[in-house]
Amino acid sequence: MAKTAHVLGDSNWYRVNPKIKVYSLMDRGFQTSPKGNFLLQQPISGNSPYSASYQLKIRIQQDLQNLRMDTTDEHGLQIINIFKLKDKEQVIEQYNFAIADLVEREILELVKK
């Protein structure tokens, strides 16, 4: 994992916000792994909120410093560049909404690169 991360195809880079609180992660839906790391798997799809086509996966290590971000297929196994999809507008809109929520809750912070 790295101190800064981005989703494949996204020009914005993020890091874990220094103001982060563990309870904020739990409130937002992060799950704790047996090793104490935090994982968020959020479905993002363009057409229907009931059928997830893609997932946003965010991993934060237990030290609350290191971060990894990916968009994957519906099963979470293959990393996908959602910015190159044929019908990408709604998927990207949902992705941006999810990221904006994490920034607003002071979980992530936009890094100027």
PDB file of N, CA and C in Angstrom:
ATOM      1  N   MET A   1       0.840  -1.177   0.000  1.00  0.00           N
ATOM      2  CA  MET A   1       0.000   0.000   0.000  1.00  0.00           C
ATOM      3  C   MET A   1       0.888   1.244   0.000  1.00  0.00           C
ATOM      4  N   ALA A   2       0.298   2.336  -0.335  1.00  0.00           N
ATOM      5  CA  ALA A   2       1.059   3.575  -0.444  1.00  0.00           C
ATOM      6  C   ALA A   2       0.431   4.664   0.420  1.00  0.00           C
ATOM      7  N   LYS A   3       1.193   5.695   0.676  1.00  0.00           N
ATOM      8  CA  LYS A   3       0.676   6.846   1.436  1.00  0.00           C
ATOM      9  C   LYS A   3      -0.355   7.605   0.616  1.00  0.00           C
ATOM     10  N   THR A   4      -0.163   7.673  -0.718  1.00  0.00           N
ATOM     11  CA  THR A   4      -1.150   8.281  -1.605  1.00  0.00           C
ATOM     12  C   THR A   4      -1.596   7.225  -2.604  1.00  0.00           C
ATOM     13  N   ALA A   5      -2.822   7.378  -3.079  1.00  0.00           N
ATOM     14  CA  ALA A   5      -3.365   6.394  -4.021  1.00  0.00           C
ATOM     15  C   ALA A   5      -4.386   7.072  -4.919  1.00  0.00           C
ATOM     16  N   HIS A   6      -4.687   6.386  -6.019  1.00  0.00           N
ATOM     17  CA  HIS A   6      -5.740   6.843  -6.918  1.00  0.00           C
ATOM     18  C   HIS A   6      -6.350   5.631  -7.598  1.00  0.00           C
ATOM     19  N   VAL A   7      -7.498   5.848  -8.170  1.00  0.00           N
ATOM     20  CA  VAL A   7      -8.184   4.807  -8.927  1.00  0.00           C
ATOM     21  C   VAL A   7      -7.674   4.862 -10.361  1.00  0.00           C
ATOM     22  N   LEU A   8      -7.475   3.707 -10.955  1.00  0.00           N
ATOM     23  CA  LEU A   8      -6.997   3.616 -12.333  1.00  0.00           C
ATOM     24  C   LEU A   8      -7.848   4.499 -13.243  1.00  0.00           C
ATOM     25  N   GLY A   9      -7.200   5.440 -13.935  1.00  0.00           N
ATOM     26  CA  GLY A   9      -7.894   6.332 -14.857  1.00  0.00           C
ATOM     27  C   GLY A   9      -8.262   7.684 -14.264  1.00  0.00           C
ATOM     28  N   ASP A  10      -8.274   7.780 -12.941  1.00  0.00           N
ATOM     29  CA  ASP A  10      -8.611   9.046 -12.280  1.00  0.00           C
ATOM     30  C   ASP A  10      -7.347   9.883 -12.146  1.00  0.00           C
ATOM     31  N   SER A  11      -7.436  11.166 -12.461  1.00  0.00           N
ATOM     32  CA  SER A  11      -6.259  12.040 -12.360  1.00  0.00           C
ATOM     33  C   SER A  11      -6.053  12.562 -10.940  1.00  0.00           C
ATOM     34  N   ASN A  12      -7.045  12.396 -10.079  1.00  0.00           N
ATOM     35  CA  ASN A  12      -6.931  12.858  -8.697  1.00  0.00           C
ATOM     36  C   ASN A  12      -6.277  11.800  -7.823  1.00  0.00           C
ATOM     37  N   TRP A  13      -5.392  12.243  -6.940  1.00  0.00           N
ATOM     38  CA  TRP A  13      -4.726  11.382  -5.971  1.00  0.00           C
ATOM     39  C   TRP A  13      -5.245  11.739  -4.585  1.00  0.00           C
ATOM     40  N   TYR A  14      -5.299  10.748  -3.715  1.00  0.00           N
ATOM     41  CA  TYR A  14      -5.829  10.930  -2.376  1.00  0.00           C
ATOM     42  C   TYR A  14      -4.884  10.320  -1.352  1.00  0.00           C
ATOM     43  N   ARG A  15      -5.026  10.765  -0.121  1.00  0.00           N
ATOM     44  CA  ARG A  15      -4.331  10.160   1.008  1.00  0.00           C
ATOM     45  C   ARG A  15      -5.320  10.086   2.156  1.00  0.00           C
ATOM     46  N   VAL A  16      -4.959   9.328   3.179  1.00  0.00           N
ATOM     47  CA  VAL A  16      -5.795   9.256   4.368  1.00  0.00           C
ATOM     48  C   VAL A  16      -5.707  10.608   5.066  1.00  0.00           C
ATOM     49  N   ASN A  17      -6.850  11.169   5.409  1.00  0.00           N
ATOM     50  CA  ASN A  17      -6.886  12.470   6.062  1.00  0.00           C
ATOM     51  C   ASN A  17      -6.238  12.365   7.441  1.00  0.00           C
ATOM     52  N   PRO A  18      -5.332  13.271   7.776  1.00  0.00           N
ATOM     53  CA  PRO A  18      -4.687  13.231   9.095  1.00  0.00           C
ATOM     54  C   PRO A  18      -5.675  13.365  10.262  1.00  0.00           C
ATOM     55  N   LYS A  19      -6.875  13.903  10.000  1.00  0.00           N
ATOM     56  CA  LYS A  19      -7.897  14.072  11.042  1.00  0.00           C
ATOM     57  C   LYS A  19      -8.772  12.829  11.214  1.00  0.00           C
ATOM     58  N   ILE A  20      -8.460  11.754  10.520  1.00  0.00           N
ATOM     59  CA  ILE A  20      -9.319  10.572  10.501  1.00  0.00           C
ATOM     60  C   ILE A  20      -9.537  10.001  11.900  1.00  0.00           C
ATOM     61  N   LYS A  21     -10.731   9.502  12.119  1.00  0.00           N
ATOM     62  CA  LYS A  21     -11.092   8.820  13.356  1.00  0.00           C
ATOM     63  C   LYS A  21     -11.619   7.434  12.985  1.00  0.00           C
ATOM     64  N   VAL A  22     -11.259   6.440  13.791  1.00  0.00           N
ATOM     65  CA  VAL A  22     -11.678   5.069  13.502  1.00  0.00           C
ATOM     66  C   VAL A  22     -13.200   4.960  13.461  1.00  0.00           C
ATOM     67  N   TYR A  23     -13.893   5.643  14.350  1.00  0.00           N
ATOM     68  CA  TYR A  23     -15.355   5.558  14.354  1.00  0.00           C
ATOM     69  C   TYR A  23     -15.954   6.116  13.059  1.00  0.00           C
ATOM     70  N   SER A  24     -15.252   7.067  12.414  1.00  0.00           N
ATOM     71  CA  SER A  24     -15.727   7.578  11.124  1.00  0.00           C
ATOM     72  C   SER A  24     -15.698   6.484  10.070  1.00  0.00           C
ATOM     73  N   LEU A  25     -14.672   5.653  10.131  1.00  0.00           N
ATOM     74  CA  LEU A  25     -14.578   4.535   9.189  1.00  0.00           C
ATOM     75  C   LEU A  25     -15.740   3.565   9.399  1.00  0.00           C
ATOM     76  N   MET A  26     -16.030   3.251  10.645  1.00  0.00           N
ATOM     77  CA  MET A  26     -17.111   2.312  10.943  1.00  0.00           C
ATOM     78  C   MET A  26     -18.472   2.896  10.538  1.00  0.00           C
ATOM     79  N   ASP A  27     -18.656   4.198  10.800  1.00  0.00           N
ATOM     80  CA  ASP A  27     -19.912   4.855  10.417  1.00  0.00           C
ATOM     81  C   ASP A  27     -20.114   4.835   8.914  1.00  0.00           C
ATOM     82  N   ARG A  28     -19.036   4.894   8.156  1.00  0.00           N
ATOM     83  CA  ARG A  28     -19.112   4.941   6.695  1.00  0.00           C
ATOM     84  C   ARG A  28     -19.239   3.559   6.067  1.00  0.00           C
ATOM     85  N   GLY A  29     -19.069   2.491   6.846  1.00  0.00           N
ATOM     86  CA  GLY A  29     -19.266   1.138   6.316  1.00  0.00           C
ATOM     87  C   GLY A  29     -17.996   0.343   6.109  1.00  0.00           C
ATOM     88  N   PHE A  30     -16.869   0.840   6.593  1.00  0.00           N
ATOM     89  CA  PHE A  30     -15.630   0.073   6.506  1.00  0.00           C
ATOM     90  C   PHE A  30     -15.726  -1.135   7.434  1.00  0.00           C
ATOM     91  N   GLN A  31     -15.196  -2.253   6.973  1.00  0.00           N
ATOM     92  CA  GLN A  31     -15.128  -3.477   7.762  1.00  0.00           C
ATOM     93  C   GLN A  31     -13.689  -3.661   8.241  1.00  0.00           C
ATOM     94  N   THR A  32     -13.518  -4.283   9.388  1.00  0.00           N
ATOM     95  CA  THR A  32     -12.187  -4.536   9.922  1.00  0.00           C
ATOM     96  C   THR A  32     -11.769  -5.953   9.558  1.00  0.00           C
ATOM     97  N   SER A  33     -10.547  -6.082   9.026  1.00  0.00           N
ATOM     98  CA  SER A  33     -10.010  -7.399   8.693  1.00  0.00           C
ATOM     99  C   SER A  33      -9.428  -8.037   9.949  1.00  0.00           C
ATOM    100  N   PRO A  34      -9.146  -9.343   9.913  1.00  0.00           N
ATOM    101  CA  PRO A  34      -8.528  -9.991  11.071  1.00  0.00           C
ATOM    102  C   PRO A  34      -7.184  -9.364  11.471  1.00  0.00           C
ATOM    103  N   LYS A  35      -6.496  -8.724  10.528  1.00  0.00           N
ATOM    104  CA  LYS A  35      -5.215  -8.084  10.826  1.00  0.00           C
ATOM    105  C   LYS A  35      -5.387  -6.649  11.320  1.00  0.00           C
ATOM    106  N   GLY A  36      -6.623  -6.165  11.386  1.00  0.00           N
ATOM    107  CA  GLY A  36      -6.878  -4.829  11.896  1.00  0.00           C
ATOM    108  C   GLY A  36      -6.930  -3.747  10.838  1.00  0.00           C
ATOM    109  N   ASN A  37      -6.854  -4.120   9.560  1.00  0.00           N
ATOM    110  CA  ASN A  37      -6.967  -3.147   8.483  1.00  0.00           C
ATOM    111  C   ASN A  37      -8.440  -2.868   8.197  1.00  0.00           C
ATOM    112  N   PHE A  38      -8.701  -1.805   7.452  1.00  0.00           N
ATOM    113  CA  PHE A  38     -10.077  -1.379   7.165  1.00  0.00           C
ATOM    114  C   PHE A  38     -10.355  -1.490   5.672  1.00  0.00           C
ATOM    115  N   LEU A  39     -11.514  -2.025   5.312  1.00  0.00           N
ATOM    116  CA  LEU A  39     -11.886  -2.229   3.913  1.00  0.00           C
ATOM    117  C   LEU A  39     -13.306  -1.748   3.678  1.00  0.00           C
ATOM    118  N   LEU A  40     -13.443  -0.940   2.622  1.00  0.00           N
ATOM    119  CA  LEU A  40     -14.760  -0.504   2.158  1.00  0.00           C
ATOM    120  C   LEU A  40     -14.963  -1.081   0.767  1.00  0.00           C
ATOM    121  N   GLN A  41     -16.061  -1.788   0.566  1.00  0.00           N
ATOM    122  CA  GLN A  41     -16.455  -2.280  -0.750  1.00  0.00           C
ATOM    123  C   GLN A  41     -17.827  -1.692  -1.032  1.00  0.00           C
ATOM    124  N   GLN A  42     -17.853  -0.713  -1.940  1.00  0.00           N
ATOM    125  CA  GLN A  42     -19.107  -0.027  -2.243  1.00  0.00           C
ATOM    126  C   GLN A  42     -19.491  -0.278  -3.688  1.00  0.00           C
ATOM    127  N   PRO A  43     -20.693  -0.798  -3.918  1.00  0.00           N
ATOM    128  CA  PRO A  43     -21.138  -1.006  -5.296  1.00  0.00           C
ATOM    129  C   PRO A  43     -21.366   0.325  -6.007  1.00  0.00           C
ATOM    130  N   ILE A  44     -20.939   0.376  -7.251  1.00  0.00           N
ATOM    131  CA  ILE A  44     -21.244   1.518  -8.116  1.00  0.00           C
ATOM    132  C   ILE A  44     -21.714   0.953  -9.450  1.00  0.00           C
ATOM    133  N   SER A  45     -22.845   1.428  -9.901  1.00  0.00           N
ATOM    134  CA  SER A  45     -23.361   0.988 -11.193  1.00  0.00           C
ATOM    135  C   SER A  45     -24.125   2.132 -11.817  1.00  0.00           C
ATOM    136  N   GLY A  46     -24.192   2.125 -13.108  1.00  0.00           N
ATOM    137  CA  GLY A  46     -24.798   3.244 -13.797  1.00  0.00           C
ATOM    138  C   GLY A  46     -26.305   3.211 -13.884  1.00  0.00           C
ATOM    139  N   ASN A  47     -26.876   2.063 -14.103  1.00  0.00           N
ATOM    140  CA  ASN A  47     -28.290   1.999 -14.442  1.00  0.00           C
ATOM    141  C   ASN A  47     -29.211   1.737 -13.266  1.00  0.00           C
ATOM    142  N   SER A  48     -28.855   0.813 -12.416  1.00  0.00           N
ATOM    143  CA  SER A  48     -29.759   0.422 -11.347  1.00  0.00           C
ATOM    144  C   SER A  48     -29.014   0.336 -10.020  1.00  0.00           C
ATOM    145  N   PRO A  49     -29.588   0.869  -8.965  1.00  0.00           N
ATOM    146  CA  PRO A  49     -28.948   0.728  -7.658  1.00  0.00           C
ATOM    147  C   PRO A  49     -29.075  -0.691  -7.100  1.00  0.00           C
ATOM    148  N   TYR A  50     -29.878  -1.524  -7.763  1.00  0.00           N
ATOM    149  CA  TYR A  50     -30.115  -2.880  -7.270  1.00  0.00           C
ATOM    150  C   TYR A  50     -29.194  -3.916  -7.906  1.00  0.00           C
ATOM    151  N   SER A  51     -28.526  -3.560  -8.994  1.00  0.00           N
ATOM    152  CA  SER A  51     -27.599  -4.507  -9.618  1.00  0.00           C
ATOM    153  C   SER A  51     -26.242  -3.827  -9.777  1.00  0.00           C
ATOM    154  N   ALA A  52     -25.321  -4.223  -8.946  1.00  0.00           N
ATOM    155  CA  ALA A  52     -23.993  -3.603  -8.961  1.00  0.00           C
ATOM    156  C   ALA A  52     -23.182  -4.157 -10.117  1.00  0.00           C
ATOM    157  N   SER A  53     -22.687  -3.283 -10.954  1.00  0.00           N
ATOM    158  CA  SER A  53     -21.845  -3.696 -12.065  1.00  0.00           C
ATOM    159  C   SER A  53     -20.369  -3.600 -11.707  1.00  0.00           C
ATOM    160  N   TYR A  54     -20.063  -2.671 -10.810  1.00  0.00           N
ATOM    161  CA  TYR A  54     -18.672  -2.417 -10.428  1.00  0.00           C
ATOM    162  C   TYR A  54     -18.626  -2.135  -8.932  1.00  0.00           C
ATOM    163  N   GLN A  55     -17.407  -2.183  -8.385  1.00  0.00           N
ATOM    164  CA  GLN A  55     -17.228  -1.896  -6.971  1.00  0.00           C
ATOM    165  C   GLN A  55     -16.081  -0.914  -6.780  1.00  0.00           C
ATOM    166  N   LEU A  56     -16.234  -0.036  -5.829  1.00  0.00           N
ATOM    167  CA  LEU A  56     -15.150   0.809  -5.363  1.00  0.00           C
ATOM    168  C   LEU A  56     -14.602   0.124  -4.116  1.00  0.00           C
ATOM    169  N   LYS A  57     -13.302  -0.193  -4.145  1.00  0.00           N
ATOM    170  CA  LYS A  57     -12.660  -0.839  -3.003  1.00  0.00           C
ATOM    171  C   LYS A  57     -11.592   0.094  -2.452  1.00  0.00           C
ATOM    172  N   ILE A  58     -11.693   0.373  -1.177  1.00  0.00           N
ATOM    173  CA  ILE A  58     -10.714   1.217  -0.507  1.00  0.00           C
ATOM    174  C   ILE A  58     -10.199   0.462   0.708  1.00  0.00           C
ATOM    175  N   ARG A  59      -8.874   0.363   0.788  1.00  0.00           N
ATOM    176  CA  ARG A  59      -8.232  -0.308   1.916  1.00  0.00           C
ATOM    177  C   ARG A  59      -7.347   0.699   2.649  1.00  0.00           C
ATOM    178  N   ILE A  60      -7.511   0.755   3.959  1.00  0.00           N
ATOM    179  CA  ILE A  60      -6.681   1.605   4.806  1.00  0.00           C
ATOM    180  C   ILE A  60      -6.043   0.696   5.856  1.00  0.00           C
ATOM    181  N   GLN A  61      -4.715   0.761   5.953  1.00  0.00           N
ATOM    182  CA  GLN A  61      -4.034  -0.076   6.940  1.00  0.00           C
ATOM    183  C   GLN A  61      -4.333   0.402   8.349  1.00  0.00           C
ATOM    184  N   GLN A  62      -4.124  -0.483   9.306  1.00  0.00           N
ATOM    185  CA  GLN A  62      -4.463  -0.179  10.691  1.00  0.00           C
ATOM    186  C   GLN A  62      -3.690   1.008  11.258  1.00  0.00           C
ATOM    187  N   ASP A  63      -2.563   1.352  10.639  1.00  0.00           N
ATOM    188  CA  ASP A  63      -1.804   2.522  11.101  1.00  0.00           C
ATOM    189  C   ASP A  63      -2.460   3.835  10.653  1.00  0.00           C
ATOM    190  N   LEU A  64      -3.528   3.740   9.869  1.00  0.00           N
ATOM    191  CA  LEU A  64      -4.281   4.880   9.339  1.00  0.00           C
ATOM    192  C   LEU A  64      -3.405   5.814   8.504  1.00  0.00           C
ATOM    193  N   GLN A  65      -2.393   5.252   7.858  1.00  0.00           N
ATOM    194  CA  GLN A  65      -1.490   6.031   7.017  1.00  0.00           C
ATOM    195  C   GLN A  65      -1.526   5.566   5.561  1.00  0.00           C
ATOM    196  N   ASN A  66      -1.526   4.270   5.356  1.00  0.00           N
ATOM    197  CA  ASN A  66      -1.396   3.700   4.021  1.00  0.00           C
ATOM    198  C   ASN A  66      -2.746   3.383   3.419  1.00  0.00           C
ATOM    199  N   LEU A  67      -2.829   3.582   2.097  1.00  0.00           N
ATOM    200  CA  LEU A  67      -4.109   3.557   1.393  1.00  0.00           C
ATOM    201  C   LEU A  67      -3.956   2.835   0.063  1.00  0.00           C
ATOM    202  N   ARG A  68      -5.013   2.124  -0.326  1.00  0.00           N
ATOM    203  CA  ARG A  68      -5.113   1.543  -1.667  1.00  0.00           C
ATOM    204  C   ARG A  68      -6.545   1.725  -2.142  1.00  0.00           C
ATOM    205  N   MET A  69      -6.685   2.131  -3.412  1.00  0.00           N
ATOM    206  CA  MET A  69      -8.003   2.372  -4.000  1.00  0.00           C
ATOM    207  C   MET A  69      -8.091   1.670  -5.350  1.00  0.00           C
ATOM    208  N   ASP A  70      -9.198   1.004  -5.605  1.00  0.00           N
ATOM    209  CA  ASP A  70      -9.415   0.325  -6.885  1.00  0.00           C
ATOM    210  C   ASP A  70     -10.894   0.371  -7.246  1.00  0.00           C
ATOM    211  N   THR A  71     -11.168   0.310  -8.542  1.00  0.00           N
ATOM    212  CA  THR A  71     -12.512   0.004  -9.020  1.00  0.00           C
ATOM    213  C   THR A  71     -12.406  -1.363  -9.671  1.00  0.00           C
ATOM    214  N   THR A  72     -13.339  -2.235  -9.349  1.00  0.00           N
ATOM    215  CA  THR A  72     -13.258  -3.618  -9.800  1.00  0.00           C
ATOM    216  C   THR A  72     -14.559  -4.048 -10.470  1.00  0.00           C
ATOM    217  N   ASP A  73     -14.524  -5.267 -11.017  1.00  0.00           N
ATOM    218  CA  ASP A  73     -15.742  -5.854 -11.557  1.00  0.00           C
ATOM    219  C   ASP A  73     -16.705  -6.147 -10.404  1.00  0.00           C
ATOM    220  N   GLU A  74     -17.879  -6.630 -10.734  1.00  0.00           N
ATOM    221  CA  GLU A  74     -18.917  -6.847  -9.720  1.00  0.00           C
ATOM    222  C   GLU A  74     -18.508  -7.836  -8.637  1.00  0.00           C
ATOM    223  N   HIS A  75     -17.567  -8.739  -8.947  1.00  0.00           N
ATOM    224  CA  HIS A  75     -17.124  -9.732  -7.975  1.00  0.00           C
ATOM    225  C   HIS A  75     -15.928  -9.252  -7.157  1.00  0.00           C
ATOM    226  N   GLY A  76     -15.366  -8.114  -7.542  1.00  0.00           N
ATOM    227  CA  GLY A  76     -14.232  -7.561  -6.814  1.00  0.00           C
ATOM    228  C   GLY A  76     -12.907  -8.203  -7.140  1.00  0.00           C
ATOM    229  N   LEU A  77     -12.835  -8.926  -8.250  1.00  0.00           N
ATOM    230  CA  LEU A  77     -11.618  -9.678  -8.567  1.00  0.00           C
ATOM    231  C   LEU A  77     -10.723  -9.007  -9.598  1.00  0.00           C
ATOM    232  N   GLN A  78     -11.299  -8.310 -10.549  1.00  0.00           N
ATOM    233  CA  GLN A  78     -10.519  -7.721 -11.641  1.00  0.00           C
ATOM    234  C   GLN A  78     -10.594  -6.200 -11.581  1.00  0.00           C
ATOM    235  N   ILE A  79      -9.435  -5.542 -11.583  1.00  0.00           N
ATOM    236  CA  ILE A  79      -9.395  -4.079 -11.561  1.00  0.00           C
ATOM    237  C   ILE A  79      -9.825  -3.552 -12.922  1.00  0.00           C
ATOM    238  N   ILE A  80     -10.711  -2.548 -12.894  1.00  0.00           N
ATOM    239  CA  ILE A  80     -11.291  -1.986 -14.120  1.00  0.00           C
ATOM    240  C   ILE A  80     -11.093  -0.475 -14.118  1.00  0.00           C
ATOM    241  N   ASN A  81     -10.802   0.059 -15.299  1.00  0.00           N
ATOM    242  CA  ASN A  81     -10.726   1.507 -15.482  1.00  0.00           C
ATOM    243  C   ASN A  81     -12.121   1.983 -15.885  1.00  0.00           C
ATOM    244  N   ILE A  82     -12.882   2.501 -14.943  1.00  0.00           N
ATOM    245  CA  ILE A  82     -14.257   2.923 -15.235  1.00  0.00           C
ATOM    246  C   ILE A  82     -14.295   4.142 -16.149  1.00  0.00           C
ATOM    247  N   PHE A  83     -13.189   4.844 -16.260  1.00  0.00           N
ATOM    248  CA  PHE A  83     -13.136   6.045 -17.093  1.00  0.00           C
ATOM    249  C   PHE A  83     -13.047   5.703 -18.582  1.00  0.00           C
ATOM    250  N   LYS A  84     -12.840   4.419 -18.905  1.00  0.00           N
ATOM    251  CA  LYS A  84     -12.778   3.982 -20.302  1.00  0.00           C
ATOM    252  C   LYS A  84     -13.993   3.154 -20.708  1.00  0.00           C
ATOM    253  N   LEU A  85     -14.994   3.086 -19.850  1.00  0.00           N
ATOM    254  CA  LEU A  85     -16.200   2.319 -20.178  1.00  0.00           C
ATOM    255  C   LEU A  85     -16.992   3.015 -21.271  1.00  0.00           C
ATOM    256  N   LYS A  86     -17.767   2.229 -21.995  1.00  0.00           N
ATOM    257  CA  LYS A  86     -18.588   2.770 -23.078  1.00  0.00           C
ATOM    258  C   LYS A  86     -19.659   3.724 -22.537  1.00  0.00           C
ATOM    259  N   ASP A  87     -20.441   3.270 -21.577  1.00  0.00           N
ATOM    260  CA  ASP A  87     -21.485   4.096 -20.961  1.00  0.00           C
ATOM    261  C   ASP A  87     -21.019   4.464 -19.554  1.00  0.00           C
ATOM    262  N   LYS A  88     -20.098   5.397 -19.472  1.00  0.00           N
ATOM    263  CA  LYS A  88     -19.405   5.664 -18.215  1.00  0.00           C
ATOM    264  C   LYS A  88     -19.977   6.797 -17.374  1.00  0.00           C
ATOM    265  N   GLU A  89     -20.818   7.644 -17.919  1.00  0.00           N
ATOM    266  CA  GLU A  89     -21.229   8.860 -17.235  1.00  0.00           C
ATOM    267  C   GLU A  89     -21.857   8.595 -15.866  1.00  0.00           C
ATOM    268  N   GLN A  90     -22.833   7.695 -15.789  1.00  0.00           N
ATOM    269  CA  GLN A  90     -23.508   7.428 -14.523  1.00  0.00           C
ATOM    270  C   GLN A  90     -22.593   6.712 -13.530  1.00  0.00           C
ATOM    271  N   VAL A  91     -21.746   5.832 -14.027  1.00  0.00           N
ATOM    272  CA  VAL A  91     -20.807   5.120 -13.151  1.00  0.00           C
ATOM    273  C   VAL A  91     -19.821   6.105 -12.544  1.00  0.00           C
ATOM    274  N   ILE A  92     -19.288   6.995 -13.356  1.00  0.00           N
ATOM    275  CA  ILE A  92     -18.336   7.992 -12.869  1.00  0.00           C
ATOM    276  C   ILE A  92     -19.028   8.960 -11.904  1.00  0.00           C
ATOM    277  N   GLU A  93     -20.276   9.293 -12.179  1.00  0.00           N
ATOM    278  CA  GLU A  93     -21.025  10.163 -11.271  1.00  0.00           C
ATOM    279  C   GLU A  93     -21.157   9.523  -9.890  1.00  0.00           C
ATOM    280  N   GLN A  94     -21.484   8.241  -9.849  1.00  0.00           N
ATOM    281  CA  GLN A  94     -21.602   7.540  -8.564  1.00  0.00           C
ATOM    282  C   GLN A  94     -20.246   7.417  -7.876  1.00  0.00           C
ATOM    283  N   TYR A  95     -19.210   7.170  -8.648  1.00  0.00           N
ATOM    284  CA  TYR A  95     -17.850   7.101  -8.096  1.00  0.00           C
ATOM    285  C   TYR A  95     -17.481   8.445  -7.463  1.00  0.00           C
ATOM    286  N   ASN A  96     -17.695   9.535  -8.190  1.00  0.00           N
ATOM    287  CA  ASN A  96     -17.369  10.870  -7.679  1.00  0.00           C
ATOM    288  C   ASN A  96     -18.178  11.206  -6.427  1.00  0.00           C
ATOM    289  N   PHE A  97     -19.433  10.780  -6.395  1.00  0.00           N
ATOM    290  CA  PHE A  97     -20.272  11.005  -5.220  1.00  0.00           C
ATOM    291  C   PHE A  97     -19.698  10.271  -4.005  1.00  0.00           C
ATOM    292  N   ALA A  98     -19.284   9.025  -4.203  1.00  0.00           N
ATOM    293  CA  ALA A  98     -18.719   8.225  -3.104  1.00  0.00           C
ATOM    294  C   ALA A  98     -17.422   8.841  -2.584  1.00  0.00           C
ATOM    295  N   ILE A  99     -16.564   9.277  -3.500  1.00  0.00           N
ATOM    296  CA  ILE A  99     -15.294   9.888  -3.106  1.00  0.00           C
ATOM    297  C   ILE A  99     -15.546  11.220  -2.390  1.00  0.00           C
ATOM    298  N   ALA A 100     -16.463  12.027  -2.906  1.00  0.00           N
ATOM    299  CA  ALA A 100     -16.780  13.312  -2.278  1.00  0.00           C
ATOM    300  C   ALA A 100     -17.293  13.109  -0.849  1.00  0.00           C
ATOM    301  N   ASP A 101     -18.075  12.059  -0.640  1.00  0.00           N
ATOM    302  CA  ASP A 101     -18.576  11.750   0.694  1.00  0.00           C
ATOM    303  C   ASP A 101     -17.424  11.401   1.637  1.00  0.00           C
ATOM    304  N   LEU A 102     -16.456  10.635   1.158  1.00  0.00           N
ATOM    305  CA  LEU A 102     -15.301  10.261   1.984  1.00  0.00           C
ATOM    306  C   LEU A 102     -14.433  11.480   2.308  1.00  0.00           C
ATOM    307  N   VAL A 103     -14.329  12.391   1.372  1.00  0.00           N
ATOM    308  CA  VAL A 103     -13.570  13.629   1.617  1.00  0.00           C
ATOM    309  C   VAL A 103     -14.319  14.499   2.626  1.00  0.00           C
ATOM    310  N   GLU A 104     -15.623  14.616   2.447  1.00  0.00           N
ATOM    311  CA  GLU A 104     -16.437  15.431   3.352  1.00  0.00           C
ATOM    312  C   GLU A 104     -16.394  14.907   4.783  1.00  0.00           C
ATOM    313  N   ARG A 105     -16.348  13.601   4.943  1.00  0.00           N
ATOM    314  CA  ARG A 105     -16.310  12.984   6.278  1.00  0.00           C
ATOM    315  C   ARG A 105     -14.888  12.932   6.853  1.00  0.00           C
ATOM    316  N   GLU A 106     -13.951  13.539   6.170  1.00  0.00           N
ATOM    317  CA  GLU A 106     -12.552  13.616   6.587  1.00  0.00           C
ATOM    318  C   GLU A 106     -11.896  12.241   6.727  1.00  0.00           C
ATOM    319  N   ILE A 107     -12.246  11.350   5.804  1.00  0.00           N
ATOM    320  CA  ILE A 107     -11.590  10.047   5.723  1.00  0.00           C
ATOM    321  C   ILE A 107     -10.468  10.133   4.686  1.00  0.00           C
ATOM    322  N   LEU A 108     -10.761  10.724   3.532  1.00  0.00           N
ATOM    323  CA  LEU A 108      -9.762  10.938   2.485  1.00  0.00           C
ATOM    324  C   LEU A 108      -9.499  12.424   2.327  1.00  0.00           C
ATOM    325  N   GLU A 109      -8.340  12.715   1.744  1.00  0.00           N
ATOM    326  CA  GLU A 109      -7.974  14.098   1.463  1.00  0.00           C
ATOM    327  C   GLU A 109      -7.362  14.139   0.074  1.00  0.00           C
ATOM    328  N   LEU A 110      -7.780  15.101  -0.726  1.00  0.00           N
ATOM    329  CA  LEU A 110      -7.249  15.280  -2.076  1.00  0.00           C
ATOM    330  C   LEU A 110      -5.812  15.782  -1.972  1.00  0.00           C
ATOM    331  N   VAL A 111      -4.926  15.164  -2.758  1.00  0.00           N
ATOM    332  CA  VAL A 111      -3.512  15.541  -2.773  1.00  0.00           C
ATOM    333  C   VAL A 111      -3.231  16.273  -4.080  1.00  0.00           C
ATOM    334  N   LYS A 112      -2.561  17.374  -3.994  1.00  0.00           N
ATOM    335  CA  LYS A 112      -2.161  18.108  -5.205  1.00  0.00           C
ATOM    336  C   LYS A 112      -0.910  17.458  -5.764  1.00  0.00           C
ATOM    337  N   LYS A 113      -0.993  16.946  -6.983  1.00  0.00           N
ATOM    338  CA  LYS A 113       0.168  16.292  -7.644  1.00  0.00           C
ATOM    339  C   LYS A 113       0.675  17.160  -8.749  1.00  0.00           C
TER     340      LYS A 113
END
